[in-house]
Protein backbone atom coordinates (compact mmCIF):
# COMPACT_ATOMS: atom_id res chain seq x y z
CA MET A 1 62.64 55.86 -46.05
CA LYS A 2 66.13 56.43 -47.39
CA LEU A 3 67.27 60.04 -47.60
CA LEU A 4 68.02 59.80 -51.34
CA THR A 5 64.53 58.41 -52.05
CA ARG A 6 62.93 61.17 -49.98
CA TRP A 7 65.05 63.79 -51.74
CA GLY A 8 63.91 62.41 -55.11
CA LYS A 9 60.26 62.64 -54.04
CA PHE A 10 60.87 66.16 -52.73
CA ASN A 11 62.27 67.16 -56.12
CA LEU A 12 59.38 65.54 -58.00
CA VAL A 13 56.84 67.48 -55.94
CA GLY A 14 59.02 70.58 -56.30
CA ALA A 15 59.18 70.25 -60.09
CA ILE A 16 55.41 70.01 -60.30
CA GLY A 17 55.16 72.90 -57.85
CA MET A 18 57.50 74.91 -60.03
CA ALA A 19 55.16 74.35 -62.98
CA VAL A 20 52.22 75.41 -60.78
CA GLN A 21 54.03 78.57 -59.68
CA LEU A 22 55.20 79.60 -63.14
CA THR A 23 51.76 78.91 -64.65
CA ALA A 24 50.02 80.82 -61.87
CA LEU A 25 52.46 83.73 -62.21
CA GLY A 26 51.94 83.89 -65.97
CA LEU A 27 48.14 83.78 -65.58
CA ILE A 28 48.01 86.34 -62.78
CA ILE A 29 50.17 88.80 -64.73
CA ARG A 30 48.01 88.29 -67.81
CA ILE A 31 44.58 88.42 -66.10
CA LEU A 32 45.31 90.95 -63.34
CA PRO A 33 48.03 93.25 -64.59
CA GLY A 34 49.87 94.86 -61.74
CA HIS A 35 53.19 94.69 -60.06
CA TYR A 36 54.99 91.45 -60.84
CA LEU A 37 56.19 91.04 -57.23
CA ALA A 38 52.62 90.94 -55.89
CA ALA A 39 51.82 88.33 -58.55
CA THR A 40 54.96 86.41 -57.55
CA GLY A 41 53.85 86.36 -53.91
CA ALA A 42 50.35 85.15 -54.82
CA ALA A 43 51.68 82.42 -57.11
CA LEU A 44 54.15 81.38 -54.42
CA GLU A 45 51.45 80.99 -51.75
CA LEU A 46 49.40 78.78 -54.07
CA THR A 47 52.52 76.70 -54.68
CA VAL A 48 53.40 76.39 -50.99
CA LEU A 49 49.91 75.02 -50.29
CA HIS A 50 50.16 72.69 -53.30
CA ASN A 51 53.58 71.40 -52.26
CA PHE A 52 52.56 70.95 -48.63
CA PHE A 53 49.61 68.76 -49.68
CA TRP A 54 51.79 66.52 -51.84
CA HIS A 55 54.68 66.37 -49.39
CA VAL A 56 52.27 65.18 -46.69
CA HIS A 57 50.92 62.46 -48.98
CA ILE A 58 54.09 61.46 -50.83
CA THR A 59 57.41 62.76 -49.54
CA TRP A 60 56.85 62.54 -45.77
CA ARG A 61 53.78 60.28 -45.62
CA ASP A 62 55.62 58.04 -43.16
CA ARG A 63 55.79 60.99 -40.74
CA ARG A 64 52.16 62.06 -40.83
CA ALA A 65 51.60 60.94 -37.24
CA THR A 66 54.73 62.56 -35.77
CA SER A 67 52.93 65.88 -35.14
CA PRO A 68 49.50 67.37 -35.87
CA LEU A 69 48.84 68.30 -39.50
CA LEU A 70 48.25 71.94 -38.59
CA THR A 71 51.63 72.06 -36.82
CA GLN A 72 53.32 70.59 -39.89
CA CYS A 73 51.54 73.10 -42.14
CA LEU A 74 52.57 76.04 -39.95
CA ARG A 75 56.16 74.79 -39.80
CA PHE A 76 56.24 74.25 -43.56
CA HIS A 77 54.94 77.76 -44.16
CA SER A 78 57.31 79.34 -41.65
CA ALA A 79 60.31 77.48 -43.07
CA ASN A 80 59.83 76.76 -46.76
CA GLY A 81 57.28 79.51 -47.24
CA LEU A 82 59.50 82.21 -45.76
CA VAL A 83 62.66 81.00 -47.48
CA SER A 84 60.81 80.86 -50.80
CA LEU A 85 59.13 84.23 -50.28
CA ALA A 86 62.37 85.98 -49.33
CA GLY A 87 64.33 84.25 -52.09
CA ASN A 88 61.73 84.84 -54.79
CA LEU A 89 61.18 88.47 -53.86
CA ALA A 90 64.93 89.14 -53.73
CA LEU A 91 66.20 87.10 -56.68
CA THR A 92 63.36 87.57 -59.16
CA PRO A 93 63.69 91.38 -59.41
CA LEU A 94 67.47 91.13 -59.48
CA LEU A 95 67.37 88.72 -62.41
CA TYR A 96 64.36 90.33 -64.13
CA ARG A 97 65.22 94.01 -63.82
CA GLU A 98 68.99 93.98 -63.52
CA ALA A 99 70.00 90.94 -65.59
CA ARG A 100 67.10 91.54 -68.01
CA LEU A 101 65.98 87.92 -68.02
CA PRO A 102 62.35 87.16 -68.91
CA LEU A 103 60.15 87.19 -65.80
CA LEU A 104 59.36 83.47 -65.81
CA VAL A 105 63.01 82.54 -66.36
CA ALA A 106 64.07 84.82 -63.50
CA ASN A 107 61.42 83.29 -61.25
CA ALA A 108 62.42 79.74 -62.22
CA ILE A 109 66.02 80.44 -61.21
CA ALA A 110 64.83 81.89 -57.89
CA ILE A 111 62.71 78.78 -57.24
CA LEU A 112 65.66 76.47 -57.90
CA ALA A 113 67.94 78.50 -55.65
CA CYS A 114 65.46 78.31 -52.76
CA SER A 115 64.95 74.57 -53.11
CA VAL A 116 68.47 73.92 -51.84
CA ALA A 117 67.56 75.27 -48.38
CA ASN A 118 64.00 73.96 -48.37
CA PHE A 119 64.72 70.23 -48.30
CA PRO A 120 66.68 70.18 -45.03
CA LEU A 121 64.18 72.58 -43.42
CA SER A 122 61.33 70.26 -44.35
CA ASP A 123 63.10 67.06 -43.45
CA ARG A 124 64.42 68.17 -40.09
CA TRP A 125 61.79 70.62 -38.88
CA ALA A 126 58.48 70.87 -40.77
CA PHE A 127 58.11 67.09 -40.99
CA GLY A 128 60.81 66.23 -38.46
CA LEU A 129 60.49 63.29 -36.13
CA GLY A 130 59.39 63.91 -32.58
CA GLY A 131 56.96 66.74 -33.38
């Protein structure tokens, strides 16, 4: 698959994942009031699982046999999951508390910032060729 096509699929899954994360964050804050960073982490984990499922079936479906699914999931979590967790937990409070942006806007900006690093990590390592 051409890199540009794969990047487009990555962004499609990511856009849907962004909607999942922002919806989950909004619901968690509304249903279980608490600290917004704990809610951010919970919404992020749901999104990482969501995105992994769709990346396996859409973005990197041609690489499903390059390594065991569990290995790909662990790599995805340790790469994209950690980048997203660190980025979301660092940028969201900065934008929310310091820049006074609405929580969901701050989180959306954090998600977009993390996506820049997440594509190459996924393409070269989580779903990389040669297992």
